[in-house]
C-alpha atoms as a PDB file:
ATOM      1  CA  UNK A   1     112.260 -15.189 148.325  1.00  0.00           C
ATOM      2  CA  UNK A   2     110.990 -15.815 151.852  1.00  0.00           C
ATOM      3  CA  UNK A   3     108.247 -18.403 151.021  1.00  0.00           C
ATOM      4  CA  UNK A   4     110.177 -20.483 148.500  1.00  0.00           C
ATOM      5  CA  UNK A   5     110.809 -23.994 149.755  1.00  0.00           C
ATOM      6  CA  UNK A   6     113.958 -24.287 147.551  1.00  0.00           C
ATOM      7  CA  UNK A   7     115.356 -20.908 148.855  1.00  0.00           C
ATOM      8  CA  UNK A   8     114.855 -22.277 152.318  1.00  0.00           C
ATOM      9  CA  UNK A   9     116.749 -25.521 151.439  1.00  0.00           C
ATOM     10  CA  UNK A  10     119.498 -23.420 149.836  1.00  0.00           C
ATOM     11  CA  UNK A  11     119.691 -21.305 153.028  1.00  0.00           C
ATOM     12  CA  UNK A  12     119.761 -24.484 155.169  1.00  0.00           C
ATOM     13  CA  UNK A  13     116.651 -23.543 157.134  1.00  0.00           C
ATOM     14  CA  UNK A  14     114.779 -26.604 155.688  1.00  0.00           C
ATOM     15  CA  UNK A  15     116.805 -29.943 155.794  1.00  0.00           C
ATOM     16  CA  UNK A  16     117.439 -32.047 152.747  1.00  0.00           C
ATOM     17  CA  UNK A  17     119.713 -34.798 151.772  1.00  0.00           C
ATOM     18  CA  UNK A  18     122.374 -32.673 150.053  1.00  0.00           C
ATOM     19  CA  UNK A  19     124.817 -34.291 147.786  1.00  0.00           C
ATOM     20  CA  UNK A  20     126.612 -31.116 146.622  1.00  0.00           C
ATOM     21  CA  UNK A  21     126.857 -27.478 147.561  1.00  0.00           C
ATOM     22  CA  UNK A  22     129.022 -24.560 146.499  1.00  0.00           C
ATOM     23  CA  UNK A  23     128.616 -20.782 146.615  1.00  0.00           C
ATOM     24  CA  UNK A  24     126.100 -20.830 143.726  1.00  0.00           C
ATOM     25  CA  UNK A  25     124.389 -24.218 143.682  1.00  0.00           C
ATOM     26  CA  UNK A  26     122.867 -26.914 145.833  1.00  0.00           C
ATOM     27  CA  UNK A  27     122.047 -30.452 144.848  1.00  0.00           C
ATOM     28  CA  UNK A  28     119.846 -32.755 146.880  1.00  0.00           C
ATOM     29  CA  UNK A  29     117.899 -36.000 146.687  1.00  0.00           C
ATOM     30  CA  UNK A  30     114.224 -35.661 145.539  1.00  0.00           C
ATOM     31  CA  UNK A  31     111.713 -36.419 148.208  1.00  0.00           C
ATOM     32  CA  UNK A  32     109.470 -38.292 145.749  1.00  0.00           C
ATOM     33  CA  UNK A  33     112.001 -40.141 143.581  1.00  0.00           C
ATOM     34  CA  UNK A  34     110.904 -41.328 140.114  1.00  0.00           C
ATOM     35  CA  UNK A  35     113.911 -43.424 139.402  1.00  0.00           C
ATOM     36  CA  UNK A  36     116.590 -45.263 141.485  1.00  0.00           C
ATOM     37  CA  UNK A  37     118.694 -41.998 141.321  1.00  0.00           C
ATOM     38  CA  UNK A  38     116.670 -38.770 141.370  1.00  0.00           C
ATOM     39  CA  UNK A  39     118.183 -35.646 142.543  1.00  0.00           C
ATOM     40  CA  UNK A  40     117.751 -31.860 141.954  1.00  0.00           C
ATOM     41  CA  UNK A  41     120.279 -29.196 141.292  1.00  0.00           C
ATOM     42  CA  UNK A  42     119.230 -25.621 142.043  1.00  0.00           C
ATOM     43  CA  UNK A  43     120.762 -22.269 141.947  1.00  0.00           C
ATOM     44  CA  UNK A  44     120.965 -20.377 145.239  1.00  0.00           C
ATOM     45  CA  UNK A  45     119.748 -17.236 143.542  1.00  0.00           C
ATOM     46  CA  UNK A  46     115.965 -17.319 143.167  1.00  0.00           C
ATOM     47  CA  UNK A  47     115.036 -17.503 139.498  1.00  0.00           C
ATOM     48  CA  UNK A  48     111.399 -18.547 139.290  1.00  0.00           C
ATOM     49  CA  UNK A  49     111.574 -20.406 136.017  1.00  0.00           C
ATOM     50  CA  UNK A  50     113.829 -20.905 132.991  1.00  0.00           C
ATOM     51  CA  UNK A  51     111.809 -18.284 131.241  1.00  0.00           C
ATOM     52  CA  UNK A  52     112.768 -15.823 133.916  1.00  0.00           C
ATOM     53  CA  UNK A  53     116.505 -16.220 133.400  1.00  0.00           C
ATOM     54  CA  UNK A  54     118.328 -13.017 132.350  1.00  0.00           C
ATOM     55  CA  UNK A  55     121.353 -12.587 130.118  1.00  0.00           C
ATOM     56  CA  UNK A  56     123.343 -11.931 133.353  1.00  0.00           C
ATOM     57  CA  UNK A  57     122.511 -15.572 134.439  1.00  0.00           C
ATOM     58  CA  UNK A  58     124.225 -17.270 131.417  1.00  0.00           C
ATOM     59  CA  UNK A  59     127.333 -18.251 133.516  1.00  0.00           C
ATOM     60  CA  UNK A  60     125.027 -19.531 136.299  1.00  0.00           C
ATOM     61  CA  UNK A  61     122.902 -21.525 133.875  1.00  0.00           C
ATOM     62  CA  UNK A  62     125.986 -23.164 132.290  1.00  0.00           C
ATOM     63  CA  UNK A  63     127.319 -24.063 135.819  1.00  0.00           C
ATOM     64  CA  UNK A  64     123.891 -25.531 136.686  1.00  0.00           C
ATOM     65  CA  UNK A  65     123.914 -27.893 133.671  1.00  0.00           C
ATOM     66  CA  UNK A  66     127.484 -28.744 134.057  1.00  0.00           C
ATOM     67  CA  UNK A  67     127.136 -29.565 137.743  1.00  0.00           C
ATOM     68  CA  UNK A  68     124.078 -31.776 137.066  1.00  0.00           C
ATOM     69  CA  UNK A  69     125.910 -33.910 134.459  1.00  0.00           C
ATOM     70  CA  UNK A  70     129.085 -34.033 136.677  1.00  0.00           C
ATOM     71  CA  UNK A  71     127.012 -35.276 139.594  1.00  0.00           C
ATOM     72  CA  UNK A  72     125.358 -37.911 137.507  1.00  0.00           C
ATOM     73  CA  UNK A  73     128.768 -39.037 136.226  1.00  0.00           C
ATOM     74  CA  UNK A  74     130.253 -39.200 139.845  1.00  0.00           C
ATOM     75  CA  UNK A  75     127.200 -41.296 140.880  1.00  0.00           C
ATOM     76  CA  UNK A  76     128.188 -43.764 138.171  1.00  0.00           C
ATOM     77  CA  UNK A  77     125.728 -42.961 135.331  1.00  0.00           C
ATOM     78  CA  UNK A  78     128.298 -41.593 132.875  1.00  0.00           C
ATOM     79  CA  UNK A  79     128.124 -44.755 130.627  1.00  0.00           C
ATOM     80  CA  UNK A  80     124.436 -45.680 131.030  1.00  0.00           C
ATOM     81  CA  UNK A  81     123.086 -42.180 130.923  1.00  0.00           C
ATOM     82  CA  UNK A  82     120.511 -40.045 132.711  1.00  0.00           C
ATOM     83  CA  UNK A  83     117.544 -37.839 132.025  1.00  0.00           C
ATOM     84  CA  UNK A  84     118.072 -34.081 132.750  1.00  0.00           C
ATOM     85  CA  UNK A  85     114.609 -32.179 133.039  1.00  0.00           C
ATOM     86  CA  UNK A  86     113.779 -28.590 133.479  1.00  0.00           C
ATOM     87  CA  UNK A  87     110.095 -28.245 133.838  1.00  0.00           C
ATOM     88  CA  UNK A  88     108.675 -24.693 133.318  1.00  0.00           C
ATOM     89  CA  UNK A  89     105.533 -23.099 134.742  1.00  0.00           C
ATOM     90  CA  UNK A  90     102.233 -24.809 135.346  1.00  0.00           C
ATOM     91  CA  UNK A  91     101.600 -26.298 131.781  1.00  0.00           C
ATOM     92  CA  UNK A  92     105.301 -27.560 131.876  1.00  0.00           C
ATOM     93  CA  UNK A  93     104.781 -29.392 135.065  1.00  0.00           C
ATOM     94  CA  UNK A  94     106.810 -27.129 137.378  1.00  0.00           C
ATOM     95  CA  UNK A  95     105.420 -27.472 140.908  1.00  0.00           C
ATOM     96  CA  UNK A  96     108.067 -25.440 142.757  1.00  0.00           C
ATOM     97  CA  UNK A  97     108.598 -22.040 141.114  1.00  0.00           C
ATOM     98  CA  UNK A  98     112.386 -21.887 141.733  1.00  0.00           C
ATOM     99  CA  UNK A  99     114.490 -23.067 138.682  1.00  0.00           C
ATOM    100  CA  UNK A 100     115.813 -26.614 139.085  1.00  0.00           C
ATOM    101  CA  UNK A 101     117.191 -29.383 137.072  1.00  0.00           C
ATOM    102  CA  UNK A 102     115.943 -32.919 137.805  1.00  0.00           C
ATOM    103  CA  UNK A 103     118.394 -35.590 137.201  1.00  0.00           C
ATOM    104  CA  UNK A 104     116.929 -39.146 136.912  1.00  0.00           C
ATOM    105  CA  UNK A 105     119.079 -42.300 136.419  1.00  0.00           C
ATOM    106  CA  UNK A 106     119.315 -45.941 137.179  1.00  0.00           C
ATOM    107  CA  UNK A 107     116.659 -47.238 134.773  1.00  0.00           C
ATOM    108  CA  UNK A 108     115.681 -46.906 131.139  1.00  0.00           C
ATOM    109  CA  UNK A 109     113.463 -43.846 130.494  1.00  0.00           C
ATOM    110  CA  UNK A 110     110.404 -43.973 128.333  1.00  0.00           C
ATOM    111  CA  UNK A 111     109.625 -41.310 125.618  1.00  0.00           C
ATOM    112  CA  UNK A 112     107.411 -39.489 125.569  1.00  0.00           C
ATOM    113  CA  UNK A 113     107.158 -39.123 129.362  1.00  0.00           C
ATOM    114  CA  UNK A 114     103.616 -39.875 130.802  1.00  0.00           C
END
């Protein structure tokens, strides 16, 4: 999608502080971190929201979540834990309409979130 900021990050036309990339996914540090560690994992394929995922995306969705937890573990949060968040549409707090997983770690998280 030509006007999607996350598609442009995945293409490399907008710079980011990438921490991981493969043929399907990109992970990069959030520009407005809400925890000592805060990064996003996105599919390179444009899927606007989790509600727009199709049955054909099942393998990609599994890889998205596995990669998020694997990166959190590699960054040292396997023992202390992390929060994995997928916001969906406007009422769900999604501000960029390209599916992404927020990974937040390095501090205790409150519930419910503010």
